[in-house]
Amino acid sequence: FFDPLGFAEKADEKTLKRYREAEVTHGRVAMLAAVGFLVGEAVEGSSFLFDAQISGPAITHFLQVPDGWDALIITFIGAAEAQRAQIGWVDPADASYDQPGLLRDEYYPGDIGFDPLGIKPEDPEELDLMITRELQNGRLAMLAAAGFLAQEAVDGKGILEHFSS
């Protein structure tokens, strides 16, 4: 596998499993973020949410959300993260002090049992292919989201504005 900085050389299997969990999670968030940048700017002014008052570059949208909504959003994110931790992580009370963030032995990184559309393949080879595709798309999305954020921070224009000018 691709490891130009040699992180895997210094890591045991449990640490590599934690790295993979972080990569999958950040990739999923980045895929949502990349789509959110584009959709958030595309529907600007036409959305029924918040009386269509949110406008401008996507990096400013969260700051424009009315008071109280941010607490609700953070509560939902916290609940989702707590559920993910209960599925994948060993209870800190049951882990040794020198092994923080220990994942359960039977847990596969990223597999929290959420598959409402039933698209997870039964065949192990197909599953490995799907996992690889998710990782690759997540890596690309992390770069895309970082690029979107940097571009909007530099010139204050939305991503879609760059395509129309």
C-alpha atoms as a PDB file:
ATOM      1  CA  PHE A   1       0.000   0.000   0.000  1.00  0.00           C
ATOM      2  CA  PHE A   2       0.993   3.637  -0.442  1.00  0.00           C
ATOM      3  CA  ASP A   3       2.907   4.951   2.577  1.00  0.00           C
ATOM      4  CA  PRO A   4       5.561   7.460   1.456  1.00  0.00           C
ATOM      5  CA  LEU A   5       6.218   8.795   4.978  1.00  0.00           C
ATOM      6  CA  GLY A   6       6.641   5.359   6.540  1.00  0.00           C
ATOM      7  CA  PHE A   7       3.916   5.582   9.198  1.00  0.00           C
ATOM      8  CA  ALA A   8       3.120   1.876   8.820  1.00  0.00           C
ATOM      9  CA  GLU A   9       6.698   0.844   9.589  1.00  0.00           C
ATOM     10  CA  LYS A  10       6.405   2.195  13.127  1.00  0.00           C
ATOM     11  CA  ALA A  11       2.841   1.025  13.802  1.00  0.00           C
ATOM     12  CA  ASP A  12       1.416  -2.223  15.079  1.00  0.00           C
ATOM     13  CA  GLU A  13      -1.788  -3.773  13.726  1.00  0.00           C
ATOM     14  CA  LYS A  14      -4.043  -1.995  16.236  1.00  0.00           C
ATOM     15  CA  THR A  15      -2.540   1.385  15.391  1.00  0.00           C
ATOM     16  CA  LEU A  16      -2.948   0.744  11.657  1.00  0.00           C
ATOM     17  CA  LYS A  17      -6.579  -0.167  12.303  1.00  0.00           C
ATOM     18  CA  ARG A  18      -7.059   3.191  14.076  1.00  0.00           C
ATOM     19  CA  TYR A  19      -5.377   5.004  11.170  1.00  0.00           C
ATOM     20  CA  ARG A  20      -7.769   3.293   8.740  1.00  0.00           C
ATOM     21  CA  GLU A  21     -10.768   4.236  10.899  1.00  0.00           C
ATOM     22  CA  ALA A  22      -9.643   7.871  10.845  1.00  0.00           C
ATOM     23  CA  GLU A  23      -9.066   7.789   7.095  1.00  0.00           C
ATOM     24  CA  VAL A  24     -12.473   6.281   6.333  1.00  0.00           C
ATOM     25  CA  THR A  25     -14.269   8.697   8.667  1.00  0.00           C
ATOM     26  CA  HIS A  26     -12.494  11.783   7.347  1.00  0.00           C
ATOM     27  CA  GLY A  27     -13.063  10.593   3.786  1.00  0.00           C
ATOM     28  CA  ARG A  28     -16.803  10.233   4.373  1.00  0.00           C
ATOM     29  CA  VAL A  29     -17.029  13.677   5.941  1.00  0.00           C
ATOM     30  CA  ALA A  30     -15.020  15.149   3.061  1.00  0.00           C
ATOM     31  CA  MET A  31     -17.299  13.510   0.463  1.00  0.00           C
ATOM     32  CA  LEU A  32     -20.289  15.136   2.148  1.00  0.00           C
ATOM     33  CA  ALA A  33     -18.402  18.445   2.411  1.00  0.00           C
ATOM     34  CA  ALA A  34     -17.431  18.500  -1.271  1.00  0.00           C
ATOM     35  CA  VAL A  35     -21.025  17.916  -2.311  1.00  0.00           C
ATOM     36  CA  GLY A  36     -22.211  20.393   0.343  1.00  0.00           C
ATOM     37  CA  PHE A  37     -19.979  23.162  -1.018  1.00  0.00           C
ATOM     38  CA  LEU A  38     -21.447  22.786  -4.491  1.00  0.00           C
ATOM     39  CA  VAL A  39     -25.080  22.171  -3.546  1.00  0.00           C
ATOM     40  CA  GLY A  40     -25.091  24.862  -0.840  1.00  0.00           C
ATOM     41  CA  GLU A  41     -23.945  27.462  -3.328  1.00  0.00           C
ATOM     42  CA  ALA A  42     -26.142  26.167  -6.165  1.00  0.00           C
ATOM     43  CA  VAL A  43     -29.397  26.470  -4.181  1.00  0.00           C
ATOM     44  CA  GLU A  44     -28.439  29.787  -2.622  1.00  0.00           C
ATOM     45  CA  GLY A  45     -31.456  32.069  -2.355  1.00  0.00           C
ATOM     46  CA  SER A  46     -33.902  29.409  -3.543  1.00  0.00           C
ATOM     47  CA  SER A  47     -34.003  27.159  -0.505  1.00  0.00           C
ATOM     48  CA  PHE A  48     -36.991  27.029   1.830  1.00  0.00           C
ATOM     49  CA  LEU A  49     -34.599  26.757   4.772  1.00  0.00           C
ATOM     50  CA  PHE A  50     -34.007  29.871   6.837  1.00  0.00           C
ATOM     51  CA  ASP A  51     -36.146  31.995   4.484  1.00  0.00           C
ATOM     52  CA  ALA A  52     -33.455  31.744   1.780  1.00  0.00           C
ATOM     53  CA  GLN A  53     -31.318  34.227   3.749  1.00  0.00           C
ATOM     54  CA  ILE A  54     -28.034  32.286   3.586  1.00  0.00           C
ATOM     55  CA  SER A  55     -25.776  33.497   0.802  1.00  0.00           C
ATOM     56  CA  GLY A  56     -22.170  33.926  -0.256  1.00  0.00           C
ATOM     57  CA  PRO A  57     -19.297  31.468  -0.227  1.00  0.00           C
ATOM     58  CA  ALA A  58     -20.033  28.126   1.435  1.00  0.00           C
ATOM     59  CA  ILE A  59     -17.405  28.701   4.127  1.00  0.00           C
ATOM     60  CA  THR A  60     -19.595  31.502   5.517  1.00  0.00           C
ATOM     61  CA  HIS A  61     -22.892  29.579   5.472  1.00  0.00           C
ATOM     62  CA  PHE A  62     -22.620  28.047   8.956  1.00  0.00           C
ATOM     63  CA  LEU A  63     -22.047  31.466  10.508  1.00  0.00           C
ATOM     64  CA  GLN A  64     -25.280  32.687   8.901  1.00  0.00           C
ATOM     65  CA  VAL A  65     -27.430  29.929  10.421  1.00  0.00           C
ATOM     66  CA  PRO A  66     -29.873  31.485  12.940  1.00  0.00           C
ATOM     67  CA  ASP A  67     -29.090  31.225  16.649  1.00  0.00           C
ATOM     68  CA  GLY A  68     -30.037  27.937  18.233  1.00  0.00           C
ATOM     69  CA  TRP A  69     -29.638  25.856  15.095  1.00  0.00           C
ATOM     70  CA  ASP A  70     -25.906  25.468  15.677  1.00  0.00           C
ATOM     71  CA  ALA A  71     -26.593  23.803  19.034  1.00  0.00           C
ATOM     72  CA  LEU A  72     -29.049  21.420  17.367  1.00  0.00           C
ATOM     73  CA  ILE A  73     -26.533  20.556  14.640  1.00  0.00           C
ATOM     74  CA  ILE A  74     -23.770  19.943  17.192  1.00  0.00           C
ATOM     75  CA  THR A  75     -26.130  17.763  19.262  1.00  0.00           C
ATOM     76  CA  PHE A  76     -26.925  15.559  16.251  1.00  0.00           C
ATOM     77  CA  ILE A  77     -23.236  15.269  15.333  1.00  0.00           C
ATOM     78  CA  GLY A  78     -22.386  14.393  18.954  1.00  0.00           C
ATOM     79  CA  ALA A  79     -25.092  11.713  19.053  1.00  0.00           C
ATOM     80  CA  ALA A  80     -23.838  10.173  15.808  1.00  0.00           C
ATOM     81  CA  GLU A  81     -20.246  10.183  17.073  1.00  0.00           C
ATOM     82  CA  ALA A  82     -21.275   8.639  20.413  1.00  0.00           C
ATOM     83  CA  GLN A  83     -23.121   5.853  18.571  1.00  0.00           C
ATOM     84  CA  ARG A  84     -20.080   5.218  16.346  1.00  0.00           C
ATOM     85  CA  ALA A  85     -17.815   5.093  19.406  1.00  0.00           C
ATOM     86  CA  GLN A  86     -20.061   2.583  21.153  1.00  0.00           C
ATOM     87  CA  ILE A  87     -19.996   0.314  18.103  1.00  0.00           C
ATOM     88  CA  GLY A  88     -16.294   0.475  17.297  1.00  0.00           C
ATOM     89  CA  TRP A  89     -14.353   1.357  20.418  1.00  0.00           C
ATOM     90  CA  VAL A  90     -13.503  -0.530  23.570  1.00  0.00           C
ATOM     91  CA  ASP A  91     -14.932   1.193  26.643  1.00  0.00           C
ATOM     92  CA  PRO A  92     -12.099   3.282  28.163  1.00  0.00           C
ATOM     93  CA  ALA A  93     -12.792   1.683  31.541  1.00  0.00           C
ATOM     94  CA  ASP A  94     -11.962  -1.722  30.007  1.00  0.00           C
ATOM     95  CA  ALA A  95      -8.809  -0.615  28.162  1.00  0.00           C
ATOM     96  CA  SER A  96      -5.368  -0.139  29.574  1.00  0.00           C
ATOM     97  CA  TYR A  97      -4.146   3.416  30.119  1.00  0.00           C
ATOM     98  CA  ASP A  98      -1.414   3.031  27.484  1.00  0.00           C
ATOM     99  CA  GLN A  99      -3.884   2.089  24.730  1.00  0.00           C
ATOM    100  CA  PRO A 100      -6.180   5.089  24.215  1.00  0.00           C
ATOM    101  CA  GLY A 101      -8.723   4.822  21.433  1.00  0.00           C
ATOM    102  CA  LEU A 102      -8.544   1.032  21.262  1.00  0.00           C
ATOM    103  CA  LEU A 103     -10.871  -0.441  18.641  1.00  0.00           C
ATOM    104  CA  ARG A 104     -12.796  -3.649  19.250  1.00  0.00           C
ATOM    105  CA  ASP A 105     -11.139  -6.767  17.800  1.00  0.00           C
ATOM    106  CA  GLU A 106     -14.241  -7.763  15.807  1.00  0.00           C
ATOM    107  CA  TYR A 107     -14.783  -4.225  14.454  1.00  0.00           C
ATOM    108  CA  TYR A 108     -13.783  -3.454  10.874  1.00  0.00           C
ATOM    109  CA  PRO A 109     -12.870   0.238  10.433  1.00  0.00           C
ATOM    110  CA  GLY A 110     -15.839   2.196   9.127  1.00  0.00           C
ATOM    111  CA  ASP A 111     -18.365  -0.639   9.404  1.00  0.00           C
ATOM    112  CA  ILE A 112     -20.966   0.657  11.839  1.00  0.00           C
ATOM    113  CA  GLY A 113     -23.739  -1.510  10.416  1.00  0.00           C
ATOM    114  CA  PHE A 114     -25.480   1.359   8.606  1.00  0.00           C
ATOM    115  CA  ASP A 115     -26.602   0.114   5.193  1.00  0.00           C
ATOM    116  CA  PRO A 116     -30.215   1.253   4.675  1.00  0.00           C
ATOM    117  CA  LEU A 117     -30.089   0.623   0.912  1.00  0.00           C
ATOM    118  CA  GLY A 118     -28.576  -2.848   1.259  1.00  0.00           C
ATOM    119  CA  ILE A 119     -25.666  -2.147  -1.098  1.00  0.00           C
ATOM    120  CA  LYS A 120     -22.954  -3.895   0.940  1.00  0.00           C
ATOM    121  CA  PRO A 121     -21.856  -6.888  -1.146  1.00  0.00           C
ATOM    122  CA  GLU A 122     -21.956 -10.404   0.311  1.00  0.00           C
ATOM    123  CA  ASP A 123     -18.978 -11.522  -1.794  1.00  0.00           C
ATOM    124  CA  PRO A 124     -15.672 -10.726   0.010  1.00  0.00           C
ATOM    125  CA  GLU A 125     -13.889  -9.767  -3.236  1.00  0.00           C
ATOM    126  CA  GLU A 126     -16.642  -7.329  -4.195  1.00  0.00           C
ATOM    127  CA  LEU A 127     -16.605  -5.909  -0.657  1.00  0.00           C
ATOM    128  CA  ASP A 128     -12.840  -5.355  -0.838  1.00  0.00           C
ATOM    129  CA  LEU A 129     -13.298  -3.584  -4.177  1.00  0.00           C
ATOM    130  CA  MET A 130     -16.054  -1.374  -2.729  1.00  0.00           C
ATOM    131  CA  ILE A 131     -13.927  -0.534   0.323  1.00  0.00           C
ATOM    132  CA  THR A 132     -10.990   0.401  -1.915  1.00  0.00           C
ATOM    133  CA  ARG A 133     -13.218   2.641  -4.030  1.00  0.00           C
ATOM    134  CA  GLU A 134     -14.590   4.344  -0.927  1.00  0.00           C
ATOM    135  CA  LEU A 135     -11.060   5.004   0.345  1.00  0.00           C
ATOM    136  CA  GLN A 136      -9.937   6.406  -3.005  1.00  0.00           C
ATOM    137  CA  ASN A 137     -13.010   8.613  -3.368  1.00  0.00           C
ATOM    138  CA  GLY A 138     -12.581   9.777   0.227  1.00  0.00           C
ATOM    139  CA  ARG A 139      -8.956  10.721  -0.406  1.00  0.00           C
ATOM    140  CA  LEU A 140      -9.941  12.684  -3.487  1.00  0.00           C
ATOM    141  CA  ALA A 141     -12.768  14.371  -1.582  1.00  0.00           C
ATOM    142  CA  MET A 142     -10.377  15.400   1.221  1.00  0.00           C
ATOM    143  CA  LEU A 143      -8.212  17.157  -1.364  1.00  0.00           C
ATOM    144  CA  ALA A 144     -11.258  18.693  -3.062  1.00  0.00           C
ATOM    145  CA  ALA A 145     -12.756  20.013   0.176  1.00  0.00           C
ATOM    146  CA  ALA A 146      -9.399  21.444   1.240  1.00  0.00           C
ATOM    147  CA  GLY A 147      -9.043  23.090  -2.166  1.00  0.00           C
ATOM    148  CA  PHE A 148     -12.567  24.530  -2.041  1.00  0.00           C
ATOM    149  CA  LEU A 149     -11.971  25.902   1.433  1.00  0.00           C
ATOM    150  CA  ALA A 150      -8.621  27.422   0.487  1.00  0.00           C
ATOM    151  CA  GLN A 151      -9.981  29.003  -2.705  1.00  0.00           C
ATOM    152  CA  GLU A 152     -12.943  30.581  -0.939  1.00  0.00           C
ATOM    153  CA  ALA A 153     -10.740  31.817   1.914  1.00  0.00           C
ATOM    154  CA  VAL A 154      -8.286  33.434  -0.530  1.00  0.00           C
ATOM    155  CA  ASP A 155     -10.654  35.446  -2.695  1.00  0.00           C
ATOM    156  CA  GLY A 156     -13.997  35.386  -0.862  1.00  0.00           C
ATOM    157  CA  LYS A 157     -15.860  34.043  -3.904  1.00  0.00           C
ATOM    158  CA  GLY A 158     -17.955  30.916  -3.968  1.00  0.00           C
ATOM    159  CA  ILE A 159     -16.661  27.920  -5.914  1.00  0.00           C
ATOM    160  CA  LEU A 160     -19.472  28.128  -8.454  1.00  0.00           C
ATOM    161  CA  GLU A 161     -18.712  31.817  -9.028  1.00  0.00           C
ATOM    162  CA  HIS A 162     -15.337  30.800 -10.435  1.00  0.00           C
ATOM    163  CA  PHE A 163     -17.039  28.688 -13.099  1.00  0.00           C
ATOM    164  CA  SER A 164     -19.360  31.490 -14.207  1.00  0.00           C
ATOM    165  CA  SER A 165     -16.737  34.218 -14.466  1.00  0.00           C
END
